[in-house]
């Protein structure tokens, strides 16, 4: 729970083609991130999370100081959330 920085680059889950399994994976990831109250830096570079940024980050307990989303193919809804 004291983890401050986390790199989760190159996710193999392709959420651009949603499946029940990918939806469960996103909810699981969000829940796990929500269990890290000290998290301040998150790197999701090269992850295929188009349109799911809100779901992934919704359970964070505190604002991030740094969020890296290089090569993540974000869509307008993701940018609006940020």
N, C-alpha and C. Protein backbone atom coordinates (compact mmCIF):
# COMPACT_ATOMS: atom_id res chain seq x y z
N UNK A 1 0.80 -1.22 0.00
CA UNK A 1 0.00 0.00 0.00
C UNK A 1 0.84 1.28 0.00
N UNK A 2 2.14 1.18 0.26
CA UNK A 2 2.99 2.37 0.30
C UNK A 2 3.66 2.66 -1.05
N UNK A 3 3.35 1.88 -2.07
CA UNK A 3 3.95 2.06 -3.38
C UNK A 3 3.63 3.45 -3.93
N UNK A 4 4.66 4.19 -4.35
CA UNK A 4 4.48 5.55 -4.85
C UNK A 4 4.58 5.64 -6.37
N UNK A 5 5.30 4.70 -7.00
CA UNK A 5 5.52 4.76 -8.43
C UNK A 5 5.33 3.38 -9.04
N UNK A 6 4.61 3.33 -10.18
CA UNK A 6 4.29 2.05 -10.81
C UNK A 6 4.36 2.18 -12.32
N UNK A 7 5.06 1.24 -12.96
CA UNK A 7 5.11 1.18 -14.42
C UNK A 7 4.37 -0.08 -14.88
N UNK A 8 3.35 0.14 -15.71
CA UNK A 8 2.56 -0.97 -16.28
C UNK A 8 2.56 -0.82 -17.80
N UNK A 9 3.72 -0.83 -18.38
CA UNK A 9 3.83 -0.60 -19.82
C UNK A 9 3.52 -1.86 -20.61
N UNK A 10 3.14 -1.64 -21.86
CA UNK A 10 2.97 -2.72 -22.84
C UNK A 10 1.94 -3.76 -22.43
N UNK A 11 0.78 -3.32 -22.04
CA UNK A 11 -0.30 -4.24 -21.68
C UNK A 11 -0.70 -5.06 -22.90
N UNK A 12 -0.93 -6.33 -22.69
CA UNK A 12 -1.35 -7.21 -23.78
C UNK A 12 -2.85 -7.21 -23.99
N UNK A 13 -3.60 -6.57 -23.11
CA UNK A 13 -5.05 -6.53 -23.23
C UNK A 13 -5.43 -5.45 -24.24
N UNK A 14 -6.13 -5.83 -25.27
CA UNK A 14 -6.56 -4.89 -26.30
C UNK A 14 -8.00 -4.51 -26.04
N UNK A 15 -8.22 -3.35 -25.40
CA UNK A 15 -9.57 -2.92 -25.06
C UNK A 15 -10.26 -2.22 -26.22
N UNK A 16 -9.58 -2.09 -27.35
CA UNK A 16 -10.22 -1.51 -28.52
C UNK A 16 -11.27 -2.45 -29.09
N UNK A 17 -11.15 -3.72 -28.77
CA UNK A 17 -12.15 -4.72 -29.15
C UNK A 17 -12.67 -5.34 -27.86
N UNK A 18 -13.63 -4.68 -27.20
CA UNK A 18 -14.06 -5.12 -25.88
C UNK A 18 -14.64 -6.53 -25.85
N UNK A 19 -14.27 -7.24 -24.81
CA UNK A 19 -14.82 -8.56 -24.53
C UNK A 19 -15.20 -8.58 -23.06
N UNK A 20 -16.00 -9.53 -22.63
CA UNK A 20 -16.31 -9.63 -21.20
C UNK A 20 -15.04 -9.77 -20.35
N UNK A 21 -14.06 -10.48 -20.87
CA UNK A 21 -12.81 -10.68 -20.14
C UNK A 21 -12.04 -9.37 -19.99
N UNK A 22 -12.01 -8.55 -21.05
CA UNK A 22 -11.27 -7.29 -20.95
C UNK A 22 -11.97 -6.32 -19.99
N UNK A 23 -13.31 -6.34 -19.95
CA UNK A 23 -14.05 -5.50 -19.01
C UNK A 23 -13.74 -5.90 -17.58
N UNK A 24 -13.67 -7.20 -17.33
CA UNK A 24 -13.32 -7.68 -15.99
C UNK A 24 -11.89 -7.27 -15.65
N UNK A 25 -10.99 -7.37 -16.61
CA UNK A 25 -9.60 -6.97 -16.40
C UNK A 25 -9.47 -5.50 -16.05
N UNK A 26 -10.23 -4.66 -16.72
CA UNK A 26 -10.19 -3.22 -16.45
C UNK A 26 -10.71 -2.94 -15.04
N UNK A 27 -11.80 -3.57 -14.66
CA UNK A 27 -12.34 -3.38 -13.30
C UNK A 27 -11.36 -3.88 -12.24
N UNK A 28 -10.70 -4.98 -12.53
CA UNK A 28 -9.72 -5.54 -11.60
C UNK A 28 -8.53 -4.59 -11.45
N UNK A 29 -8.04 -4.09 -12.58
CA UNK A 29 -6.92 -3.14 -12.54
C UNK A 29 -7.30 -1.90 -11.76
N UNK A 30 -8.47 -1.35 -12.01
CA UNK A 30 -8.93 -0.16 -11.30
C UNK A 30 -9.01 -0.42 -9.80
N UNK A 31 -9.54 -1.57 -9.43
CA UNK A 31 -9.64 -1.92 -8.01
C UNK A 31 -8.29 -2.05 -7.35
N UNK A 32 -7.34 -2.66 -8.06
CA UNK A 32 -5.99 -2.81 -7.50
C UNK A 32 -5.29 -1.46 -7.35
N UNK A 33 -5.45 -0.59 -8.34
CA UNK A 33 -4.86 0.74 -8.24
C UNK A 33 -5.48 1.51 -7.07
N UNK A 34 -6.76 1.30 -6.83
CA UNK A 34 -7.44 1.95 -5.73
C UNK A 34 -6.95 1.50 -4.36
N UNK A 35 -6.24 0.38 -4.32
CA UNK A 35 -5.69 -0.13 -3.07
C UNK A 35 -4.29 0.40 -2.79
N UNK A 36 -3.86 1.37 -3.61
CA UNK A 36 -2.53 1.96 -3.45
C UNK A 36 -2.69 3.44 -3.09
N UNK A 37 -2.98 3.76 -1.83
CA UNK A 37 -3.26 5.14 -1.45
C UNK A 37 -2.08 6.09 -1.60
N UNK A 38 -0.87 5.56 -1.64
CA UNK A 38 0.32 6.42 -1.75
C UNK A 38 0.78 6.61 -3.19
N UNK A 39 0.10 5.99 -4.15
CA UNK A 39 0.51 6.05 -5.55
C UNK A 39 0.48 7.49 -6.06
N UNK A 40 1.61 7.96 -6.61
CA UNK A 40 1.71 9.32 -7.12
C UNK A 40 2.19 9.36 -8.57
N UNK A 41 2.85 8.28 -9.03
CA UNK A 41 3.37 8.23 -10.40
C UNK A 41 2.90 6.93 -11.04
N UNK A 42 2.28 7.07 -12.22
CA UNK A 42 1.78 5.89 -12.93
C UNK A 42 2.17 6.00 -14.40
N UNK A 43 2.80 4.96 -14.91
CA UNK A 43 3.21 4.91 -16.30
C UNK A 43 2.45 3.77 -16.97
N UNK A 44 1.58 4.14 -17.89
CA UNK A 44 0.80 3.16 -18.66
C UNK A 44 1.22 3.18 -20.13
N UNK A 45 2.42 3.63 -20.40
CA UNK A 45 2.89 3.79 -21.77
C UNK A 45 2.72 2.54 -22.62
N UNK A 46 2.31 2.75 -23.85
CA UNK A 46 2.13 1.69 -24.85
C UNK A 46 1.04 0.69 -24.47
N UNK A 47 0.15 1.07 -23.58
CA UNK A 47 -0.97 0.20 -23.22
C UNK A 47 -2.14 0.50 -24.14
N UNK A 48 -2.91 -0.49 -24.46
CA UNK A 48 -4.06 -0.34 -25.36
C UNK A 48 -5.30 -0.07 -24.53
N UNK A 49 -5.46 1.19 -24.13
CA UNK A 49 -6.56 1.49 -23.22
C UNK A 49 -7.54 2.51 -23.78
N UNK A 50 -7.59 2.65 -25.07
CA UNK A 50 -8.46 3.62 -25.73
C UNK A 50 -9.88 3.61 -25.17
N UNK A 51 -10.33 4.78 -24.71
CA UNK A 51 -11.69 4.92 -24.23
C UNK A 51 -11.95 4.39 -22.84
N UNK A 52 -10.93 3.92 -22.15
CA UNK A 52 -11.12 3.30 -20.84
C UNK A 52 -10.35 3.98 -19.72
N UNK A 53 -9.80 5.15 -19.99
CA UNK A 53 -8.98 5.81 -18.98
C UNK A 53 -9.77 6.12 -17.72
N UNK A 54 -10.99 6.60 -17.87
CA UNK A 54 -11.83 6.91 -16.69
C UNK A 54 -12.02 5.66 -15.83
N UNK A 55 -12.35 4.54 -16.45
CA UNK A 55 -12.58 3.31 -15.70
C UNK A 55 -11.32 2.85 -14.98
N UNK A 56 -10.17 3.01 -15.63
CA UNK A 56 -8.91 2.54 -15.05
C UNK A 56 -8.49 3.40 -13.87
N UNK A 57 -8.71 4.70 -13.96
CA UNK A 57 -8.22 5.62 -12.92
C UNK A 57 -9.28 6.02 -11.90
N UNK A 58 -10.50 5.56 -12.06
CA UNK A 58 -11.61 6.05 -11.22
C UNK A 58 -11.47 5.70 -9.74
N UNK A 59 -10.76 4.66 -9.39
CA UNK A 59 -10.67 4.25 -7.99
C UNK A 59 -9.46 4.81 -7.26
N UNK A 60 -8.65 5.65 -7.93
CA UNK A 60 -7.49 6.23 -7.25
C UNK A 60 -7.95 7.04 -6.05
N UNK A 61 -7.21 6.92 -4.96
CA UNK A 61 -7.59 7.60 -3.73
C UNK A 61 -7.05 9.01 -3.62
N UNK A 62 -6.03 9.33 -4.40
CA UNK A 62 -5.43 10.67 -4.36
C UNK A 62 -4.98 11.03 -5.77
N UNK A 63 -4.84 12.32 -6.05
CA UNK A 63 -4.39 12.73 -7.38
C UNK A 63 -2.96 12.27 -7.66
N UNK A 64 -2.72 11.93 -8.91
CA UNK A 64 -1.37 11.57 -9.32
C UNK A 64 -0.55 12.83 -9.56
N UNK A 65 0.74 12.75 -9.30
CA UNK A 65 1.65 13.84 -9.63
C UNK A 65 2.16 13.67 -11.06
N UNK A 66 2.21 12.42 -11.52
CA UNK A 66 2.72 12.12 -12.85
C UNK A 66 1.95 10.95 -13.45
N UNK A 67 1.51 11.13 -14.70
CA UNK A 67 0.81 10.08 -15.43
C UNK A 67 1.38 10.04 -16.83
N UNK A 68 2.00 8.93 -17.19
CA UNK A 68 2.58 8.79 -18.52
C UNK A 68 1.70 7.89 -19.36
N UNK A 69 1.29 8.42 -20.52
CA UNK A 69 0.38 7.71 -21.42
C UNK A 69 0.91 7.68 -22.85
N UNK A 70 2.22 7.64 -23.01
CA UNK A 70 2.81 7.64 -24.34
C UNK A 70 2.33 6.44 -25.15
N UNK A 71 1.95 6.67 -26.40
CA UNK A 71 1.55 5.62 -27.34
C UNK A 71 0.35 4.82 -26.85
N UNK A 72 -0.63 5.48 -26.24
CA UNK A 72 -1.80 4.79 -25.69
C UNK A 72 -3.05 4.92 -26.56
N UNK A 73 -2.99 5.60 -27.68
CA UNK A 73 -4.14 5.73 -28.58
C UNK A 73 -5.38 6.24 -27.85
N UNK A 74 -5.24 7.36 -27.17
CA UNK A 74 -6.36 7.94 -26.44
C UNK A 74 -7.41 8.49 -27.39
N UNK A 75 -8.65 8.49 -26.93
CA UNK A 75 -9.76 9.03 -27.71
C UNK A 75 -10.26 10.29 -27.00
N UNK A 76 -11.13 11.08 -27.64
CA UNK A 76 -11.60 12.32 -27.03
C UNK A 76 -12.18 12.14 -25.61
N UNK A 77 -12.86 11.04 -25.35
CA UNK A 77 -13.42 10.82 -24.01
C UNK A 77 -12.31 10.71 -22.95
N UNK A 78 -11.18 10.10 -23.33
CA UNK A 78 -10.05 10.01 -22.41
C UNK A 78 -9.50 11.39 -22.10
N UNK A 79 -9.35 12.19 -23.15
CA UNK A 79 -8.81 13.55 -22.96
C UNK A 79 -9.78 14.41 -22.16
N UNK A 80 -11.07 14.25 -22.35
CA UNK A 80 -12.05 15.01 -21.58
C UNK A 80 -11.97 14.62 -20.10
N UNK A 81 -11.75 13.35 -19.82
CA UNK A 81 -11.61 12.90 -18.43
C UNK A 81 -10.40 13.55 -17.77
N UNK A 82 -9.29 13.60 -18.51
CA UNK A 82 -8.07 14.20 -17.94
C UNK A 82 -8.28 15.67 -17.66
